[in-house]
């Protein structure tokens, strides 16, 4: 974790994030144009494990990426406030990307993974928080979240089509926050 002063600590409470589910509704990679069209439905929850301060989630965007490439447009998580040691109910949304250009090095790796029928996708969230302790509000601070999702495609025959056996592998490490 890091912040502007380089101390390794966030200036307010560190939220928790859990990625519960990823459903891959469309995942079509064109080797001819090196572009990717994808549609994912994710279910994510976030919380405040702190017993000392509440957290305002002022602005948070969620998107999917493959390797270093963002593959969907960002979707905004609704602004919310979580009090002491409070969690929200899981929130579900769609992440979409249409004909997203993929750089050659990422395209080669993506083609291999699609042919193998499995890939890692990161669900990322970037946002601005503010904490509140009694009546005192802190300055805003930024948080980056990465939730890995291992996805098996239903077809292992080299097809780019999404099969019926698409599922999310259980997480070992969970979401990383910095």
Protein backbone atom coordinates (compact mmCIF):
# COMPACT_ATOMS: atom_id res chain seq x y z
CA UNK A 1 0.00 0.00 0.00
CA UNK A 2 1.17 3.48 -0.65
CA UNK A 3 0.12 7.07 -0.49
CA UNK A 4 1.57 10.42 -1.45
CA UNK A 5 4.05 10.59 1.44
CA UNK A 6 5.53 7.15 0.64
CA UNK A 7 4.93 5.81 4.16
CA UNK A 8 3.24 2.65 2.91
CA UNK A 9 0.02 3.47 4.80
CA UNK A 10 -3.19 4.95 3.56
CA UNK A 11 -4.10 8.21 5.36
CA UNK A 12 -7.44 6.75 6.45
CA UNK A 13 -8.99 3.36 7.08
CA UNK A 14 -8.27 0.69 4.48
CA UNK A 15 -11.47 -0.66 2.95
CA UNK A 16 -11.98 -4.33 2.20
CA UNK A 17 -13.14 -5.63 -1.18
CA UNK A 18 -14.44 -9.05 -2.18
CA UNK A 19 -15.10 -10.21 -5.72
CA UNK A 20 -17.90 -12.77 -5.38
CA UNK A 21 -18.60 -13.67 -8.99
CA UNK A 22 -17.63 -13.02 -12.59
CA UNK A 23 -19.88 -14.17 -15.43
CA UNK A 24 -18.38 -13.92 -18.86
CA UNK A 25 -21.29 -13.26 -21.23
CA UNK A 26 -19.18 -12.40 -24.29
CA UNK A 27 -15.47 -12.68 -25.00
CA UNK A 28 -14.58 -12.44 -28.66
CA UNK A 29 -11.00 -11.87 -29.71
CA UNK A 30 -10.30 -11.06 -33.34
CA UNK A 31 -6.78 -11.99 -34.40
CA UNK A 32 -7.37 -10.23 -37.75
CA UNK A 33 -7.93 -6.82 -36.14
CA UNK A 34 -6.24 -7.51 -32.76
CA UNK A 35 -9.34 -6.32 -30.96
CA UNK A 36 -11.41 -7.70 -28.10
CA UNK A 37 -15.12 -7.41 -27.41
CA UNK A 38 -16.16 -8.48 -23.94
CA UNK A 39 -19.13 -8.37 -21.59
CA UNK A 40 -18.70 -9.43 -17.96
CA UNK A 41 -21.14 -9.35 -15.10
CA UNK A 42 -19.40 -8.95 -11.77
CA UNK A 43 -20.60 -9.06 -8.20
CA UNK A 44 -18.41 -7.19 -5.74
CA UNK A 45 -18.80 -6.01 -2.17
CA UNK A 46 -16.78 -3.52 -0.19
CA UNK A 47 -16.60 -2.74 3.47
CA UNK A 48 -15.03 -0.82 6.29
CA UNK A 49 -13.29 -3.12 8.79
CA UNK A 50 -12.23 -0.15 10.95
CA UNK A 51 -13.65 0.34 14.44
CA UNK A 52 -12.24 3.89 14.52
CA UNK A 53 -13.48 5.77 11.45
CA UNK A 54 -16.16 5.61 8.78
CA UNK A 55 -15.40 5.72 5.06
CA UNK A 56 -17.04 7.83 2.34
CA UNK A 57 -16.70 6.12 -1.03
CA UNK A 58 -16.92 9.35 -3.01
CA UNK A 59 -15.90 8.22 -6.47
CA UNK A 60 -15.06 4.67 -7.53
CA UNK A 61 -14.73 3.21 -11.01
CA UNK A 62 -14.56 -0.52 -11.74
CA UNK A 63 -13.21 -2.07 -14.96
CA UNK A 64 -11.65 -5.29 -16.23
CA UNK A 65 -8.13 -5.74 -17.55
CA UNK A 66 -6.13 -8.51 -19.13
CA UNK A 67 -2.39 -8.31 -18.42
CA UNK A 68 -1.67 -4.57 -18.69
CA UNK A 69 -4.55 -3.86 -21.08
CA UNK A 70 -7.84 -2.34 -19.91
CA UNK A 71 -10.51 -4.32 -21.78
CA UNK A 72 -13.74 -2.66 -20.60
CA UNK A 73 -14.98 0.84 -20.00
CA UNK A 74 -15.04 1.97 -16.36
CA UNK A 75 -18.33 1.65 -14.50
CA UNK A 76 -18.99 3.87 -11.49
CA UNK A 77 -19.82 2.37 -8.09
CA UNK A 78 -22.55 4.50 -6.52
CA UNK A 79 -21.22 6.89 -3.83
CA UNK A 80 -21.86 5.57 -0.34
CA UNK A 81 -20.88 5.89 3.30
CA UNK A 82 -19.93 2.93 5.47
CA UNK A 83 -19.85 3.40 9.21
CA UNK A 84 -17.64 1.65 11.74
CA UNK A 85 -17.07 -2.03 10.91
CA UNK A 86 -19.84 -1.97 8.28
CA UNK A 87 -20.10 -3.88 5.00
CA UNK A 88 -22.37 -3.21 2.07
CA UNK A 89 -24.47 -5.80 0.35
CA UNK A 90 -22.91 -7.28 -2.81
CA UNK A 91 -23.28 -5.00 -5.82
CA UNK A 92 -23.63 -6.36 -9.35
CA UNK A 93 -22.88 -4.58 -12.62
CA UNK A 94 -21.87 -5.20 -16.21
CA UNK A 95 -18.46 -4.30 -17.59
CA UNK A 96 -18.38 -3.86 -21.37
CA UNK A 97 -15.70 -3.34 -23.98
CA UNK A 98 -16.37 -3.19 -27.72
CA UNK A 99 -13.56 -3.75 -30.22
CA UNK A 100 -10.89 -2.68 -27.76
CA UNK A 101 -7.52 -2.52 -29.58
CA UNK A 102 -4.99 -4.94 -28.10
CA UNK A 103 -1.22 -4.30 -28.44
CA UNK A 104 0.75 -7.04 -30.27
CA UNK A 105 2.49 -8.46 -27.18
CA UNK A 106 -0.79 -8.69 -25.25
CA UNK A 107 -2.59 -10.05 -28.35
CA UNK A 108 -0.13 -12.94 -28.63
CA UNK A 109 -0.62 -13.87 -24.98
CA UNK A 110 -4.41 -13.51 -25.26
CA UNK A 111 -4.50 -15.76 -28.34
CA UNK A 112 -2.56 -18.46 -26.42
CA UNK A 113 -4.87 -18.21 -23.40
CA UNK A 114 -8.05 -18.34 -25.52
CA UNK A 115 -6.72 -21.39 -27.35
CA UNK A 116 -5.89 -23.03 -24.00
CA UNK A 117 -9.40 -22.20 -22.77
CA UNK A 118 -8.39 -20.33 -19.64
CA UNK A 119 -7.27 -16.85 -18.67
CA UNK A 120 -6.68 -14.48 -15.78
CA UNK A 121 -8.66 -11.26 -15.76
CA UNK A 122 -8.20 -8.56 -13.15
CA UNK A 123 -11.23 -6.64 -11.94
CA UNK A 124 -9.79 -3.28 -10.92
CA UNK A 125 -11.27 -0.42 -8.96
CA UNK A 126 -9.78 3.05 -8.62
CA UNK A 127 -11.32 5.66 -6.47
CA UNK A 128 -11.35 8.48 -4.03
CA UNK A 129 -12.20 8.02 -0.36
CA UNK A 130 -12.59 10.21 2.66
CA UNK A 131 -12.68 9.00 6.25
CA UNK A 132 -14.75 10.38 9.11
CA UNK A 133 -13.86 10.07 12.79
CA UNK A 134 -16.63 11.56 14.96
CA UNK A 135 -17.19 15.00 13.35
CA UNK A 136 -13.72 15.26 11.73
CA UNK A 137 -13.37 14.46 8.04
CA UNK A 138 -9.93 13.76 6.61
CA UNK A 139 -8.58 14.88 3.28
CA UNK A 140 -9.46 12.76 0.28
CA UNK A 141 -7.18 9.87 -0.57
CA UNK A 142 -6.96 7.53 -3.53
CA UNK A 143 -7.17 3.76 -3.44
CA UNK A 144 -6.42 1.16 -6.12
CA UNK A 145 -7.90 -2.32 -5.89
CA UNK A 146 -7.03 -5.41 -7.94
CA UNK A 147 -9.19 -8.54 -7.74
CA UNK A 148 -7.86 -11.46 -9.82
CA UNK A 149 -10.32 -13.81 -11.52
CA UNK A 150 -9.27 -17.11 -13.10
CA UNK A 151 -11.73 -17.91 -15.86
CA UNK A 152 -12.07 -21.18 -17.74
CA UNK A 153 -13.64 -20.91 -21.16
CA UNK A 154 -16.02 -23.71 -22.13
CA UNK A 155 -14.21 -24.48 -25.39
CA UNK A 156 -10.67 -25.77 -25.49
CA UNK A 157 -10.69 -26.26 -29.25
CA UNK A 158 -9.22 -22.87 -30.12
CA UNK A 159 -12.58 -21.20 -30.63
CA UNK A 160 -12.96 -17.59 -29.53
CA UNK A 161 -16.57 -18.20 -28.48
CA UNK A 162 -17.52 -18.37 -24.84
CA UNK A 163 -18.74 -21.81 -23.84
CA UNK A 164 -21.32 -22.88 -21.32
CA UNK A 165 -18.75 -23.91 -18.71
CA UNK A 166 -17.41 -20.43 -17.99
CA UNK A 167 -16.81 -20.05 -14.27
CA UNK A 168 -14.76 -18.28 -11.68
CA UNK A 169 -12.04 -20.12 -9.78
CA UNK A 170 -12.04 -19.52 -6.01
CA UNK A 171 -9.52 -16.93 -4.85
CA UNK A 172 -6.51 -17.73 -2.73
CA UNK A 173 -5.23 -14.20 -2.05
CA UNK A 174 -8.37 -12.13 -2.60
CA UNK A 175 -8.26 -8.47 -3.61
CA UNK A 176 -5.11 -6.37 -3.19
CA UNK A 177 -5.47 -2.77 -2.05
CA UNK A 178 -2.95 0.05 -2.39
